[in-house]
Amino acid sequence: MFGKEKIVKTLNVEGMSCMHCVKKVETALKEVKGVKSVKVDLENKTAEVTLKEDVDTEVLKKAVEDAGYEVKE
């Protein structure tokens, strides 16, 4: 990985209220091709997504919305 920049995108996720919600969002994002890791913060309502390759934010947003949550700009 030497010489490659890490791509990290942060999404603002609305509608999470418990750790079950966090797990659902994490799972949905981890299933997106190109995602390396996901860290969801319930208190701050954010999902920090580390990517192996550039993934369009709209693809990540759709994964979260398909899981039943909303992404705010």
N, C-alpha and C. Protein backbone atom coordinates (compact mmCIF):
# COMPACT_ATOMS: atom_id res chain seq x y z
N MET A 1 0.83 -1.19 0.00
CA MET A 1 0.00 0.00 0.00
C MET A 1 0.87 1.26 0.00
N PHE A 2 2.16 1.08 -0.03
CA PHE A 2 3.07 2.21 -0.03
C PHE A 2 2.84 3.08 -1.26
N GLY A 3 2.73 4.39 -1.04
CA GLY A 3 2.55 5.31 -2.17
C GLY A 3 1.11 5.56 -2.54
N LYS A 4 0.18 4.82 -1.95
CA LYS A 4 -1.23 5.02 -2.26
C LYS A 4 -1.88 5.81 -1.13
N GLU A 5 -2.71 6.75 -1.52
CA GLU A 5 -3.44 7.51 -0.51
C GLU A 5 -4.68 6.74 -0.10
N LYS A 6 -5.00 6.85 1.16
CA LYS A 6 -6.20 6.21 1.68
C LYS A 6 -7.38 7.13 1.37
N ILE A 7 -8.45 6.54 0.85
CA ILE A 7 -9.65 7.32 0.54
C ILE A 7 -10.65 7.09 1.67
N VAL A 8 -11.05 8.18 2.33
CA VAL A 8 -12.02 8.08 3.42
C VAL A 8 -13.16 9.05 3.12
N LYS A 9 -14.39 8.53 3.20
CA LYS A 9 -15.58 9.37 3.01
C LYS A 9 -16.42 9.28 4.27
N THR A 10 -16.97 10.42 4.68
CA THR A 10 -17.82 10.45 5.86
C THR A 10 -19.24 10.81 5.44
N LEU A 11 -20.18 9.98 5.87
CA LEU A 11 -21.59 10.21 5.57
C LEU A 11 -22.32 10.58 6.86
N ASN A 12 -23.25 11.52 6.76
CA ASN A 12 -24.11 11.88 7.89
C ASN A 12 -25.38 11.06 7.77
N VAL A 13 -25.59 10.15 8.72
CA VAL A 13 -26.69 9.20 8.66
C VAL A 13 -27.76 9.55 9.68
N GLU A 14 -28.98 9.73 9.20
CA GLU A 14 -30.12 10.03 10.07
C GLU A 14 -30.97 8.78 10.25
N GLY A 15 -31.59 8.65 11.41
CA GLY A 15 -32.54 7.57 11.65
C GLY A 15 -32.00 6.44 12.52
N MET A 16 -30.72 6.49 12.87
CA MET A 16 -30.16 5.46 13.75
C MET A 16 -30.49 5.80 15.20
N SER A 17 -30.92 4.78 15.96
CA SER A 17 -31.27 5.05 17.35
C SER A 17 -30.66 4.05 18.32
N CYS A 18 -30.02 3.00 17.80
CA CYS A 18 -29.47 1.97 18.68
C CYS A 18 -28.31 1.25 17.99
N MET A 19 -27.68 0.33 18.72
CA MET A 19 -26.55 -0.40 18.15
C MET A 19 -26.98 -1.34 17.02
N HIS A 20 -28.23 -1.79 17.06
CA HIS A 20 -28.74 -2.61 15.95
C HIS A 20 -28.73 -1.79 14.66
N CYS A 21 -29.13 -0.53 14.75
CA CYS A 21 -29.11 0.37 13.59
C CYS A 21 -27.69 0.54 13.07
N VAL A 22 -26.75 0.72 13.99
CA VAL A 22 -25.34 0.89 13.63
C VAL A 22 -24.86 -0.33 12.84
N LYS A 23 -25.20 -1.53 13.34
CA LYS A 23 -24.78 -2.78 12.69
C LYS A 23 -25.38 -2.89 11.29
N LYS A 24 -26.64 -2.48 11.15
CA LYS A 24 -27.30 -2.54 9.84
C LYS A 24 -26.60 -1.64 8.83
N VAL A 25 -26.26 -0.43 9.26
CA VAL A 25 -25.58 0.53 8.38
C VAL A 25 -24.18 0.01 8.03
N GLU A 26 -23.46 -0.50 9.03
CA GLU A 26 -22.12 -1.04 8.80
C GLU A 26 -22.17 -2.18 7.78
N THR A 27 -23.09 -3.10 7.99
CA THR A 27 -23.21 -4.25 7.10
C THR A 27 -23.54 -3.81 5.68
N ALA A 28 -24.48 -2.88 5.53
CA ALA A 28 -24.87 -2.41 4.20
C ALA A 28 -23.69 -1.78 3.47
N LEU A 29 -22.91 -0.97 4.18
CA LEU A 29 -21.76 -0.30 3.55
C LEU A 29 -20.63 -1.28 3.24
N LYS A 30 -20.40 -2.26 4.11
CA LYS A 30 -19.33 -3.23 3.88
C LYS A 30 -19.60 -4.11 2.66
N GLU A 31 -20.87 -4.23 2.27
CA GLU A 31 -21.22 -5.04 1.11
C GLU A 31 -20.96 -4.33 -0.21
N VAL A 32 -20.67 -3.02 -0.16
CA VAL A 32 -20.39 -2.26 -1.38
C VAL A 32 -18.98 -2.61 -1.86
N LYS A 33 -18.87 -2.92 -3.16
CA LYS A 33 -17.57 -3.26 -3.75
C LYS A 33 -16.62 -2.07 -3.63
N GLY A 34 -15.42 -2.33 -3.13
CA GLY A 34 -14.42 -1.28 -2.99
C GLY A 34 -14.28 -0.74 -1.58
N VAL A 35 -15.20 -1.13 -0.69
CA VAL A 35 -15.14 -0.67 0.70
C VAL A 35 -14.17 -1.55 1.49
N LYS A 36 -13.23 -0.91 2.18
CA LYS A 36 -12.24 -1.62 2.99
C LYS A 36 -12.75 -1.80 4.42
N SER A 37 -13.23 -0.70 5.02
CA SER A 37 -13.74 -0.76 6.39
C SER A 37 -14.75 0.34 6.64
N VAL A 38 -15.55 0.14 7.69
CA VAL A 38 -16.60 1.11 8.04
C VAL A 38 -16.59 1.29 9.54
N LYS A 39 -16.70 2.57 9.98
CA LYS A 39 -16.82 2.88 11.40
C LYS A 39 -18.03 3.80 11.55
N VAL A 40 -19.08 3.28 12.20
CA VAL A 40 -20.31 4.06 12.39
C VAL A 40 -20.34 4.59 13.82
N ASP A 41 -20.64 5.89 13.94
CA ASP A 41 -20.72 6.55 15.24
C ASP A 41 -22.17 6.96 15.49
N LEU A 42 -22.81 6.26 16.41
CA LEU A 42 -24.23 6.51 16.71
C LEU A 42 -24.44 7.91 17.27
N GLU A 43 -23.58 8.32 18.20
CA GLU A 43 -23.73 9.63 18.85
C GLU A 43 -23.62 10.79 17.85
N ASN A 44 -22.64 10.71 16.97
CA ASN A 44 -22.44 11.79 15.99
C ASN A 44 -23.21 11.58 14.69
N LYS A 45 -23.88 10.43 14.59
CA LYS A 45 -24.68 10.09 13.40
C LYS A 45 -23.84 10.14 12.13
N THR A 46 -22.66 9.51 12.19
CA THR A 46 -21.79 9.49 11.02
C THR A 46 -21.33 8.07 10.71
N ALA A 47 -20.99 7.87 9.45
CA ALA A 47 -20.38 6.62 9.01
C ALA A 47 -19.11 7.01 8.27
N GLU A 48 -17.97 6.57 8.78
CA GLU A 48 -16.69 6.83 8.15
C GLU A 48 -16.32 5.59 7.34
N VAL A 49 -16.22 5.77 6.03
CA VAL A 49 -15.99 4.65 5.12
C VAL A 49 -14.58 4.76 4.53
N THR A 50 -13.76 3.75 4.77
CA THR A 50 -12.41 3.70 4.18
C THR A 50 -12.50 2.81 2.94
N LEU A 51 -12.00 3.33 1.84
CA LEU A 51 -12.14 2.65 0.55
C LEU A 51 -10.83 2.09 0.03
N LYS A 52 -10.92 0.96 -0.68
CA LYS A 52 -9.76 0.37 -1.37
C LYS A 52 -9.56 1.06 -2.72
N GLU A 53 -10.67 1.55 -3.26
CA GLU A 53 -10.68 2.24 -4.55
C GLU A 53 -11.76 3.30 -4.47
N ASP A 54 -11.73 4.26 -5.38
CA ASP A 54 -12.73 5.32 -5.32
C ASP A 54 -14.12 4.76 -5.63
N VAL A 55 -15.06 5.03 -4.75
CA VAL A 55 -16.45 4.61 -4.91
C VAL A 55 -17.29 5.88 -4.88
N ASP A 56 -18.19 6.00 -5.82
CA ASP A 56 -19.07 7.17 -5.89
C ASP A 56 -19.88 7.29 -4.60
N THR A 57 -19.96 8.49 -4.07
CA THR A 57 -20.71 8.74 -2.84
C THR A 57 -22.17 8.33 -3.00
N GLU A 58 -22.72 8.47 -4.20
CA GLU A 58 -24.12 8.09 -4.44
C GLU A 58 -24.34 6.59 -4.22
N VAL A 59 -23.33 5.78 -4.54
CA VAL A 59 -23.42 4.33 -4.34
C VAL A 59 -23.47 4.02 -2.84
N LEU A 60 -22.64 4.72 -2.08
CA LEU A 60 -22.63 4.53 -0.62
C LEU A 60 -23.96 5.00 -0.02
N LYS A 61 -24.43 6.14 -0.50
CA LYS A 61 -25.69 6.72 -0.03
C LYS A 61 -26.85 5.75 -0.29
N LYS A 62 -26.88 5.15 -1.47
CA LYS A 62 -27.95 4.21 -1.82
C LYS A 62 -27.92 2.99 -0.91
N ALA A 63 -26.74 2.50 -0.57
CA ALA A 63 -26.62 1.34 0.33
C ALA A 63 -27.23 1.65 1.69
N VAL A 64 -26.96 2.85 2.20
CA VAL A 64 -27.51 3.26 3.50
C VAL A 64 -29.02 3.41 3.40
N GLU A 65 -29.50 4.03 2.32
CA GLU A 65 -30.94 4.23 2.15
C GLU A 65 -31.67 2.90 1.96
N ASP A 66 -31.04 1.96 1.26
CA ASP A 66 -31.65 0.64 1.08
C ASP A 66 -31.76 -0.11 2.41
N ALA A 67 -30.88 0.24 3.36
CA ALA A 67 -30.92 -0.37 4.70
C ALA A 67 -31.99 0.29 5.58
N GLY A 68 -32.58 1.38 5.09
CA GLY A 68 -33.68 2.03 5.82
C GLY A 68 -33.32 3.31 6.53
N TYR A 69 -32.18 3.91 6.18
CA TYR A 69 -31.74 5.14 6.84
C TYR A 69 -31.54 6.24 5.81
N GLU A 70 -31.38 7.46 6.29
CA GLU A 70 -31.26 8.62 5.40
C GLU A 70 -29.86 9.23 5.52
N VAL A 71 -29.32 9.65 4.37
CA VAL A 71 -28.03 10.31 4.36
C VAL A 71 -28.27 11.80 4.12
N LYS A 72 -27.75 12.62 5.05
CA LYS A 72 -27.89 14.09 4.94
C LYS A 72 -26.60 14.65 4.37
N GLU A 73 -26.74 15.71 3.58
CA GLU A 73 -25.56 16.37 3.00
C GLU A 73 -24.85 17.20 4.04
